[in-house]
Amino acid sequence: MGCGSPIMVNLLLQQQTISYNQCMAQLFFLVSFMGAEAALLAVMAYDRYAAICKPLHYSRLMNTKVCTVLAFATWIWGFLDSALHTALSSRLDFCGVNQIHHILCDIPPLMKMACSDTHINELAVHILGLFMGGGPFLFTPAPYVFILSSILKIQSTTGKRKAFSTCASHLIVVSIYYGNALLNYQRPSAGYSLATGTLLSIMFCVITPMLNPIIYSLRNKEVKGALKKAVEIWRPSKHHHSLC
């Protein structure tokens, strides 16, 4: 089956084909990582809650055992979600010229080019998306209710600013992740186009992961200092005059 191959393979090897089994494997790991990230964002919200609302008990609430259990839980959550989607996708029939203009084997483009009934797959996308993605999404804001309450009780402005900066990067990443996920998977199949789907997949699979380390590293003083120096170097001198 000729599908859009992985981005790195396309760039390095100029290879535009992928076998059926490889396509299913790619789909499995893609959805696994997405599900695991959703669960991880919820875990990070709990970590922020423990750090801000229960600072004296943080070492007990987030000890090695708890962190290990939470790490395994995030991967199990992702693998369970992926196994269901991959099993349903493997039941689809593909006939004719099996080519899609896409960067990877994802659920929407596979359903688009399938020649068998996809109603069950579409239903699974919405139901599992609401449960497997919506569950962590609903849990994520809950700790912030307590976090906001604790921040408002802080007397010093510096303390409030520090607490807000601790949460700001996480909230930005959550917003970007779920915004892109909704655009990718919670859309009517009638309005789906391969060109739009490819663009949204690039945003979700390339741009979003690229932004994550940048967003988190902005809290680092050394990174801030380096950016400040870079801006000062490229900033035009106040005493520089151009000749007309």
C-alpha atoms as a PDB file:
ATOM      1  CA  MET A   1       0.000   0.000   0.000  1.00  0.00           C
ATOM      2  CA  GLY A   2       1.521   3.326  -1.039  1.00  0.00           C
ATOM      3  CA  CYS A   3       1.014   5.806   1.795  1.00  0.00           C
ATOM      4  CA  GLY A   4       2.774   8.949   2.907  1.00  0.00           C
ATOM      5  CA  SER A   5       5.910   7.671   4.603  1.00  0.00           C
ATOM      6  CA  PRO A   6       7.420   9.074   7.805  1.00  0.00           C
ATOM      7  CA  ILE A   7       8.762  12.604   7.595  1.00  0.00           C
ATOM      8  CA  MET A   8      12.380  11.662   8.228  1.00  0.00           C
ATOM      9  CA  VAL A   9      12.268   8.843   5.671  1.00  0.00           C
ATOM     10  CA  ASN A  10      10.831  11.242   3.101  1.00  0.00           C
ATOM     11  CA  LEU A  11      13.532  13.806   3.791  1.00  0.00           C
ATOM     12  CA  LEU A  12      16.535  11.489   4.042  1.00  0.00           C
ATOM     13  CA  LEU A  13      15.741   8.632   1.676  1.00  0.00           C
ATOM     14  CA  GLN A  14      13.148  10.192  -0.630  1.00  0.00           C
ATOM     15  CA  GLN A  15      11.123   7.015  -0.130  1.00  0.00           C
ATOM     16  CA  GLN A  16       7.409   7.477  -0.794  1.00  0.00           C
ATOM     17  CA  THR A  17       6.101   3.983  -0.070  1.00  0.00           C
ATOM     18  CA  ILE A  18       5.334   2.010   3.067  1.00  0.00           C
ATOM     19  CA  SER A  19       4.059  -1.531   3.528  1.00  0.00           C
ATOM     20  CA  TYR A  20       0.677  -2.297   5.068  1.00  0.00           C
ATOM     21  CA  ASN A  21       2.215  -3.715   8.263  1.00  0.00           C
ATOM     22  CA  GLN A  22       4.536  -0.737   8.594  1.00  0.00           C
ATOM     23  CA  CYS A  23       1.592   1.588   8.111  1.00  0.00           C
ATOM     24  CA  MET A  24      -0.355  -0.126  10.910  1.00  0.00           C
ATOM     25  CA  ALA A  25       2.728  -0.025  13.157  1.00  0.00           C
ATOM     26  CA  GLN A  26       3.172   3.673  12.448  1.00  0.00           C
ATOM     27  CA  LEU A  27      -0.495   4.298  13.252  1.00  0.00           C
ATOM     28  CA  PHE A  28      -0.195   2.337  16.500  1.00  0.00           C
ATOM     29  CA  PHE A  29       2.795   4.277  17.802  1.00  0.00           C
ATOM     30  CA  LEU A  30       1.436   7.626  16.612  1.00  0.00           C
ATOM     31  CA  VAL A  31      -1.826   7.217  18.541  1.00  0.00           C
ATOM     32  CA  SER A  32       0.054   5.705  21.510  1.00  0.00           C
ATOM     33  CA  PHE A  33       2.261   8.764  21.855  1.00  0.00           C
ATOM     34  CA  MET A  34      -0.734  11.094  21.536  1.00  0.00           C
ATOM     35  CA  GLY A  35      -2.687   9.236  24.220  1.00  0.00           C
ATOM     36  CA  ALA A  36       0.348   9.076  26.495  1.00  0.00           C
ATOM     37  CA  GLU A  37       0.955  12.808  26.099  1.00  0.00           C
ATOM     38  CA  ALA A  38      -2.651  13.601  27.033  1.00  0.00           C
ATOM     39  CA  ALA A  39      -2.290  11.512  30.198  1.00  0.00           C
ATOM     40  CA  LEU A  40       1.121  13.042  30.918  1.00  0.00           C
ATOM     41  CA  LEU A  41      -0.310  16.574  30.734  1.00  0.00           C
ATOM     42  CA  ALA A  42      -2.876  15.571  33.376  1.00  0.00           C
ATOM     43  CA  VAL A  43      -0.100  14.130  35.554  1.00  0.00           C
ATOM     44  CA  MET A  44       1.858  17.363  35.174  1.00  0.00           C
ATOM     45  CA  ALA A  45      -1.189  19.300  36.377  1.00  0.00           C
ATOM     46  CA  TYR A  46      -1.239  17.143  39.504  1.00  0.00           C
ATOM     47  CA  ASP A  47       2.489  17.759  39.943  1.00  0.00           C
ATOM     48  CA  ARG A  48       1.884  21.528  39.817  1.00  0.00           C
ATOM     49  CA  TYR A  49      -0.884  21.127  42.389  1.00  0.00           C
ATOM     50  CA  ALA A  50       1.401  19.195  44.734  1.00  0.00           C
ATOM     51  CA  ALA A  51       4.226  21.727  44.315  1.00  0.00           C
ATOM     52  CA  ILE A  52       2.107  24.840  44.919  1.00  0.00           C
ATOM     53  CA  CYS A  53      -0.722  23.692  47.204  1.00  0.00           C
ATOM     54  CA  LYS A  54       1.150  21.048  49.220  1.00  0.00           C
ATOM     55  CA  PRO A  55       4.815  22.150  49.133  1.00  0.00           C
ATOM     56  CA  LEU A  56       5.677  20.571  52.503  1.00  0.00           C
ATOM     57  CA  HIS A  57       4.215  17.229  51.405  1.00  0.00           C
ATOM     58  CA  TYR A  58       5.570  17.313  47.845  1.00  0.00           C
ATOM     59  CA  SER A  59       8.324  14.751  48.437  1.00  0.00           C
ATOM     60  CA  ARG A  60       5.719  12.328  49.795  1.00  0.00           C
ATOM     61  CA  LEU A  61       3.035  13.007  47.182  1.00  0.00           C
ATOM     62  CA  MET A  62       5.494  12.712  44.275  1.00  0.00           C
ATOM     63  CA  ASN A  63       7.953  10.140  45.574  1.00  0.00           C
ATOM     64  CA  THR A  64       9.741   7.631  43.339  1.00  0.00           C
ATOM     65  CA  LYS A  65       7.030   4.984  43.691  1.00  0.00           C
ATOM     66  CA  VAL A  66       4.235   7.395  42.771  1.00  0.00           C
ATOM     67  CA  CYS A  67       6.191   8.755  39.803  1.00  0.00           C
ATOM     68  CA  THR A  68       6.875   5.225  38.546  1.00  0.00           C
ATOM     69  CA  VAL A  69       3.196   4.258  38.782  1.00  0.00           C
ATOM     70  CA  LEU A  70       2.120   7.455  37.011  1.00  0.00           C
ATOM     71  CA  ALA A  71       4.704   6.913  34.258  1.00  0.00           C
ATOM     72  CA  PHE A  72       3.468   3.374  33.610  1.00  0.00           C
ATOM     73  CA  ALA A  73      -0.149   4.571  33.720  1.00  0.00           C
ATOM     74  CA  THR A  74       0.459   7.187  31.017  1.00  0.00           C
ATOM     75  CA  TRP A  75       1.937   4.592  28.642  1.00  0.00           C
ATOM     76  CA  ILE A  76      -0.784   2.033  29.359  1.00  0.00           C
ATOM     77  CA  TRP A  77      -3.390   4.715  28.678  1.00  0.00           C
ATOM     78  CA  GLY A  78      -1.793   5.517  25.334  1.00  0.00           C
ATOM     79  CA  PHE A  79      -1.284   1.889  24.283  1.00  0.00           C
ATOM     80  CA  LEU A  80      -4.889   0.961  25.156  1.00  0.00           C
ATOM     81  CA  ASP A  81      -6.268   3.823  23.068  1.00  0.00           C
ATOM     82  CA  SER A  82      -3.954   2.970  20.172  1.00  0.00           C
ATOM     83  CA  ALA A  83      -4.704  -0.758  20.241  1.00  0.00           C
ATOM     84  CA  LEU A  84      -8.417  -0.114  19.759  1.00  0.00           C
ATOM     85  CA  HIS A  85      -7.910   2.304  16.865  1.00  0.00           C
ATOM     86  CA  THR A  86      -5.311   0.100  15.169  1.00  0.00           C
ATOM     87  CA  ALA A  87      -7.543  -2.975  15.459  1.00  0.00           C
ATOM     88  CA  LEU A  88     -10.440  -1.130  13.842  1.00  0.00           C
ATOM     89  CA  SER A  89      -8.227   0.345  11.105  1.00  0.00           C
ATOM     90  CA  SER A  90      -6.811  -3.098  10.281  1.00  0.00           C
ATOM     91  CA  ARG A  91     -10.348  -4.303   9.476  1.00  0.00           C
ATOM     92  CA  LEU A  92     -10.751  -1.741   6.676  1.00  0.00           C
ATOM     93  CA  ASP A  93     -10.509  -2.828   3.049  1.00  0.00           C
ATOM     94  CA  PHE A  94      -8.314  -0.882   0.624  1.00  0.00           C
ATOM     95  CA  CYS A  95      -8.720  -1.260  -3.110  1.00  0.00           C
ATOM     96  CA  GLY A  96      -7.590   0.571  -6.216  1.00  0.00           C
ATOM     97  CA  VAL A  97      -4.627   2.935  -6.111  1.00  0.00           C
ATOM     98  CA  ASN A  98      -3.799   3.128  -2.422  1.00  0.00           C
ATOM     99  CA  GLN A  99      -2.061   6.473  -2.355  1.00  0.00           C
ATOM    100  CA  ILE A 100      -2.681   9.360  -0.005  1.00  0.00           C
ATOM    101  CA  HIS A 101      -1.086  12.770   0.001  1.00  0.00           C
ATOM    102  CA  HIS A 102      -0.095  12.729   3.627  1.00  0.00           C
ATOM    103  CA  ILE A 103       3.020  12.709   5.786  1.00  0.00           C
ATOM    104  CA  LEU A 104       2.097   9.598   7.780  1.00  0.00           C
ATOM    105  CA  CYS A 105      -0.441   6.814   8.294  1.00  0.00           C
ATOM    106  CA  ASP A 106      -3.105   8.450  10.404  1.00  0.00           C
ATOM    107  CA  ILE A 107      -6.724   7.558  11.140  1.00  0.00           C
ATOM    108  CA  PRO A 108      -8.542  10.184   8.998  1.00  0.00           C
ATOM    109  CA  PRO A 109      -6.607   9.615   5.728  1.00  0.00           C
ATOM    110  CA  LEU A 110      -6.890   5.828   6.079  1.00  0.00           C
ATOM    111  CA  MET A 111     -10.656   6.096   6.514  1.00  0.00           C
ATOM    112  CA  LYS A 112     -10.811   8.491   3.556  1.00  0.00           C
ATOM    113  CA  MET A 113      -9.202   6.050   1.120  1.00  0.00           C
ATOM    114  CA  ALA A 114     -10.874   2.875   2.472  1.00  0.00           C
ATOM    115  CA  CYS A 115     -13.415   1.252   0.161  1.00  0.00           C
ATOM    116  CA  SER A 116     -15.309  -0.472   3.000  1.00  0.00           C
ATOM    117  CA  ASP A 117     -17.762   0.989   5.514  1.00  0.00           C
ATOM    118  CA  THR A 118     -16.055   3.322   8.007  1.00  0.00           C
ATOM    119  CA  HIS A 119     -18.989   4.282  10.243  1.00  0.00           C
ATOM    120  CA  ILE A 120     -17.699   2.180  13.151  1.00  0.00           C
ATOM    121  CA  ASN A 121     -14.244   3.732  12.811  1.00  0.00           C
ATOM    122  CA  GLU A 122     -15.688   7.242  12.743  1.00  0.00           C
ATOM    123  CA  LEU A 123     -17.803   6.478  15.792  1.00  0.00           C
ATOM    124  CA  ALA A 124     -14.747   5.090  17.585  1.00  0.00           C
ATOM    125  CA  VAL A 125     -12.741   8.241  16.807  1.00  0.00           C
ATOM    126  CA  HIS A 126     -15.372  10.421  18.476  1.00  0.00           C
ATOM    127  CA  ILE A 127     -16.185   8.135  21.423  1.00  0.00           C
ATOM    128  CA  LEU A 128     -12.601   7.155  22.234  1.00  0.00           C
ATOM    129  CA  GLY A 129     -11.491  10.723  21.616  1.00  0.00           C
ATOM    130  CA  LEU A 130     -13.993  12.019  24.168  1.00  0.00           C
ATOM    131  CA  PHE A 131     -13.132   9.304  26.698  1.00  0.00           C
ATOM    132  CA  MET A 132      -9.387   8.736  26.264  1.00  0.00           C
ATOM    133  CA  GLY A 133      -8.598  12.352  25.432  1.00  0.00           C
ATOM    134  CA  GLY A 134     -11.477  14.027  27.233  1.00  0.00           C
ATOM    135  CA  GLY A 135     -10.751  12.217  30.502  1.00  0.00           C
ATOM    136  CA  PRO A 136      -7.279  13.726  30.950  1.00  0.00           C
ATOM    137  CA  PHE A 137      -8.551  17.025  29.521  1.00  0.00           C
ATOM    138  CA  LEU A 138     -11.284  17.276  32.183  1.00  0.00           C
ATOM    139  CA  PHE A 139      -8.872  16.269  34.935  1.00  0.00           C
ATOM    140  CA  THR A 140      -6.221  18.793  33.898  1.00  0.00           C
ATOM    141  CA  PRO A 141      -8.146  21.999  34.871  1.00  0.00           C
ATOM    142  CA  ALA A 142      -9.305  20.524  38.216  1.00  0.00           C
ATOM    143  CA  PRO A 143      -5.979  20.976  40.067  1.00  0.00           C
ATOM    144  CA  TYR A 144      -5.772  24.542  38.768  1.00  0.00           C
ATOM    145  CA  VAL A 145      -8.900  25.486  40.709  1.00  0.00           C
ATOM    146  CA  PHE A 146      -6.988  24.725  43.926  1.00  0.00           C
ATOM    147  CA  ILE A 147      -3.783  26.211  42.501  1.00  0.00           C
ATOM    148  CA  LEU A 148      -5.512  29.512  41.692  1.00  0.00           C
ATOM    149  CA  SER A 149      -7.037  29.607  45.164  1.00  0.00           C
ATOM    150  CA  SER A 150      -3.604  29.068  46.742  1.00  0.00           C
ATOM    151  CA  ILE A 151      -1.946  31.687  44.526  1.00  0.00           C
ATOM    152  CA  LEU A 152      -4.523  34.316  45.478  1.00  0.00           C
ATOM    153  CA  LYS A 153      -3.697  33.723  49.137  1.00  0.00           C
ATOM    154  CA  ILE A 154      -0.019  34.508  48.580  1.00  0.00           C
ATOM    155  CA  GLN A 155       0.746  37.960  49.991  1.00  0.00           C
ATOM    156  CA  SER A 156       3.876  38.915  48.068  1.00  0.00           C
ATOM    157  CA  THR A 157       3.708  39.964  44.421  1.00  0.00           C
ATOM    158  CA  THR A 158       6.963  38.123  43.723  1.00  0.00           C
ATOM    159  CA  GLY A 159       5.522  34.897  45.113  1.00  0.00           C
ATOM    160  CA  LYS A 160       2.389  35.210  42.988  1.00  0.00           C
ATOM    161  CA  ARG A 161       4.443  35.916  39.864  1.00  0.00           C
ATOM    162  CA  LYS A 162       6.661  32.898  40.511  1.00  0.00           C
ATOM    163  CA  ALA A 163       3.652  30.625  41.063  1.00  0.00           C
ATOM    164  CA  PHE A 164       1.941  31.865  37.893  1.00  0.00           C
ATOM    165  CA  SER A 165       5.120  31.397  35.842  1.00  0.00           C
ATOM    166  CA  THR A 166       5.328  27.799  37.092  1.00  0.00           C
ATOM    167  CA  CYS A 167       1.892  27.057  35.628  1.00  0.00           C
ATOM    168  CA  ALA A 168       1.913  29.285  32.544  1.00  0.00           C
ATOM    169  CA  SER A 169       4.137  27.067  30.369  1.00  0.00           C
ATOM    170  CA  HIS A 170       2.074  23.966  31.152  1.00  0.00           C
ATOM    171  CA  LEU A 171      -1.223  25.720  30.379  1.00  0.00           C
ATOM    172  CA  ILE A 172       0.139  26.996  27.052  1.00  0.00           C
ATOM    173  CA  VAL A 173       1.244  23.478  26.038  1.00  0.00           C
ATOM    174  CA  VAL A 174      -2.150  22.041  27.082  1.00  0.00           C
ATOM    175  CA  SER A 175      -3.979  24.645  24.991  1.00  0.00           C
ATOM    176  CA  ILE A 176      -1.834  24.007  21.908  1.00  0.00           C
ATOM    177  CA  TYR A 177      -2.047  20.211  22.233  1.00  0.00           C
ATOM    178  CA  TYR A 178      -5.814  19.940  22.668  1.00  0.00           C
ATOM    179  CA  GLY A 179      -6.526  22.680  20.135  1.00  0.00           C
ATOM    180  CA  ASN A 180      -4.609  20.797  17.451  1.00  0.00           C
ATOM    181  CA  ALA A 181      -6.059  17.436  18.527  1.00  0.00           C
ATOM    182  CA  LEU A 182      -9.621  18.727  18.169  1.00  0.00           C
ATOM    183  CA  LEU A 183      -8.875  20.144  14.718  1.00  0.00           C
ATOM    184  CA  ASN A 184      -7.285  16.849  13.633  1.00  0.00           C
ATOM    185  CA  TYR A 185      -9.774  14.277  14.875  1.00  0.00           C
ATOM    186  CA  GLN A 186     -13.040  15.861  15.966  1.00  0.00           C
ATOM    187  CA  ARG A 187     -14.164  17.048  12.537  1.00  0.00           C
ATOM    188  CA  PRO A 188     -16.985  15.765  10.308  1.00  0.00           C
ATOM    189  CA  SER A 189     -15.683  13.287   7.763  1.00  0.00           C
ATOM    190  CA  ALA A 190     -17.696  15.064   5.058  1.00  0.00           C
ATOM    191  CA  GLY A 191     -15.558  18.160   5.439  1.00  0.00           C
ATOM    192  CA  TYR A 192     -12.252  16.326   5.451  1.00  0.00           C
ATOM    193  CA  SER A 193      -9.726  17.054   2.722  1.00  0.00           C
ATOM    194  CA  LEU A 194      -6.270  15.531   2.372  1.00  0.00           C
ATOM    195  CA  ALA A 195      -4.614  18.912   1.914  1.00  0.00           C
ATOM    196  CA  THR A 196      -6.170  20.322   5.092  1.00  0.00           C
ATOM    197  CA  GLY A 197      -5.492  17.093   6.954  1.00  0.00           C
ATOM    198  CA  THR A 198      -1.818  17.163   5.970  1.00  0.00           C
ATOM    199  CA  LEU A 199      -1.442  20.757   7.123  1.00  0.00           C
ATOM    200  CA  LEU A 200      -3.111  20.016  10.469  1.00  0.00           C
ATOM    201  CA  SER A 201      -0.968  16.906  10.927  1.00  0.00           C
ATOM    202  CA  ILE A 202       2.184  18.968  10.362  1.00  0.00           C
ATOM    203  CA  MET A 203       0.964  21.403  13.008  1.00  0.00           C
ATOM    204  CA  PHE A 204       0.176  18.566  15.403  1.00  0.00           C
ATOM    205  CA  CYS A 205       3.124  16.233  14.781  1.00  0.00           C
ATOM    206  CA  VAL A 206       5.892  18.712  13.950  1.00  0.00           C
ATOM    207  CA  ILE A 207       5.150  22.266  15.080  1.00  0.00           C
ATOM    208  CA  THR A 208       3.633  21.395  18.471  1.00  0.00           C
ATOM    209  CA  PRO A 209       6.518  19.121  19.633  1.00  0.00           C
ATOM    210  CA  MET A 210       8.973  21.726  18.382  1.00  0.00           C
ATOM    211  CA  LEU A 211       7.292  24.460  20.429  1.00  0.00           C
ATOM    212  CA  ASN A 212       7.117  22.423  23.650  1.00  0.00           C
ATOM    213  CA  PRO A 213      10.817  22.608  24.643  1.00  0.00           C
ATOM    214  CA  ILE A 214      10.891  26.278  23.653  1.00  0.00           C
ATOM    215  CA  ILE A 215       7.888  27.073  25.854  1.00  0.00           C
ATOM    216  CA  TYR A 216       9.263  25.157  28.842  1.00  0.00           C
ATOM    217  CA  SER A 217      12.787  26.527  28.464  1.00  0.00           C
ATOM    218  CA  LEU A 218      11.584  30.154  28.591  1.00  0.00           C
ATOM    219  CA  ARG A 219      11.405  29.758  32.371  1.00  0.00           C
ATOM    220  CA  ASN A 220      15.123  29.002  32.458  1.00  0.00           C
ATOM    221  CA  LYS A 221      17.163  32.067  33.490  1.00  0.00           C
ATOM    222  CA  GLU A 222      20.120  31.067  31.312  1.00  0.00           C
ATOM    223  CA  VAL A 223      17.877  30.753  28.250  1.00  0.00           C
ATOM    224  CA  LYS A 224      16.292  34.129  29.015  1.00  0.00           C
ATOM    225  CA  GLY A 225      19.741  35.665  29.378  1.00  0.00           C
ATOM    226  CA  ALA A 226      20.912  34.205  26.064  1.00  0.00           C
ATOM    227  CA  LEU A 227      17.795  35.485  24.265  1.00  0.00           C
ATOM    228  CA  LYS A 228      18.257  38.921  25.796  1.00  0.00           C
ATOM    229  CA  LYS A 229      21.888  39.049  24.619  1.00  0.00           C
ATOM    230  CA  ALA A 230      20.865  37.905  21.134  1.00  0.00           C
ATOM    231  CA  VAL A 231      18.248  40.670  20.913  1.00  0.00           C
ATOM    232  CA  GLU A 232      20.767  43.256  22.087  1.00  0.00           C
ATOM    233  CA  ILE A 233      23.312  42.120  19.484  1.00  0.00           C
ATOM    234  CA  TRP A 234      20.846  42.380  16.599  1.00  0.00           C
ATOM    235  CA  ARG A 235      19.195  45.552  17.864  1.00  0.00           C
ATOM    236  CA  PRO A 236      20.286  48.596  15.786  1.00  0.00           C
ATOM    237  CA  SER A 237      22.538  50.994  17.662  1.00  0.00           C
ATOM    238  CA  LYS A 238      20.882  54.216  18.870  1.00  0.00           C
ATOM    239  CA  HIS A 239      23.834  56.190  17.522  1.00  0.00           C
ATOM    240  CA  HIS A 240      23.723  54.602  14.063  1.00  0.00           C
ATOM    241  CA  HIS A 241      22.497  56.904  11.280  1.00  0.00           C
ATOM    242  CA  SER A 242      21.867  55.952   7.696  1.00  0.00           C
ATOM    243  CA  LEU A 243      22.931  58.210   4.855  1.00  0.00           C
ATOM    244  CA  CYS A 244      20.335  59.334   2.380  1.00  0.00           C
END
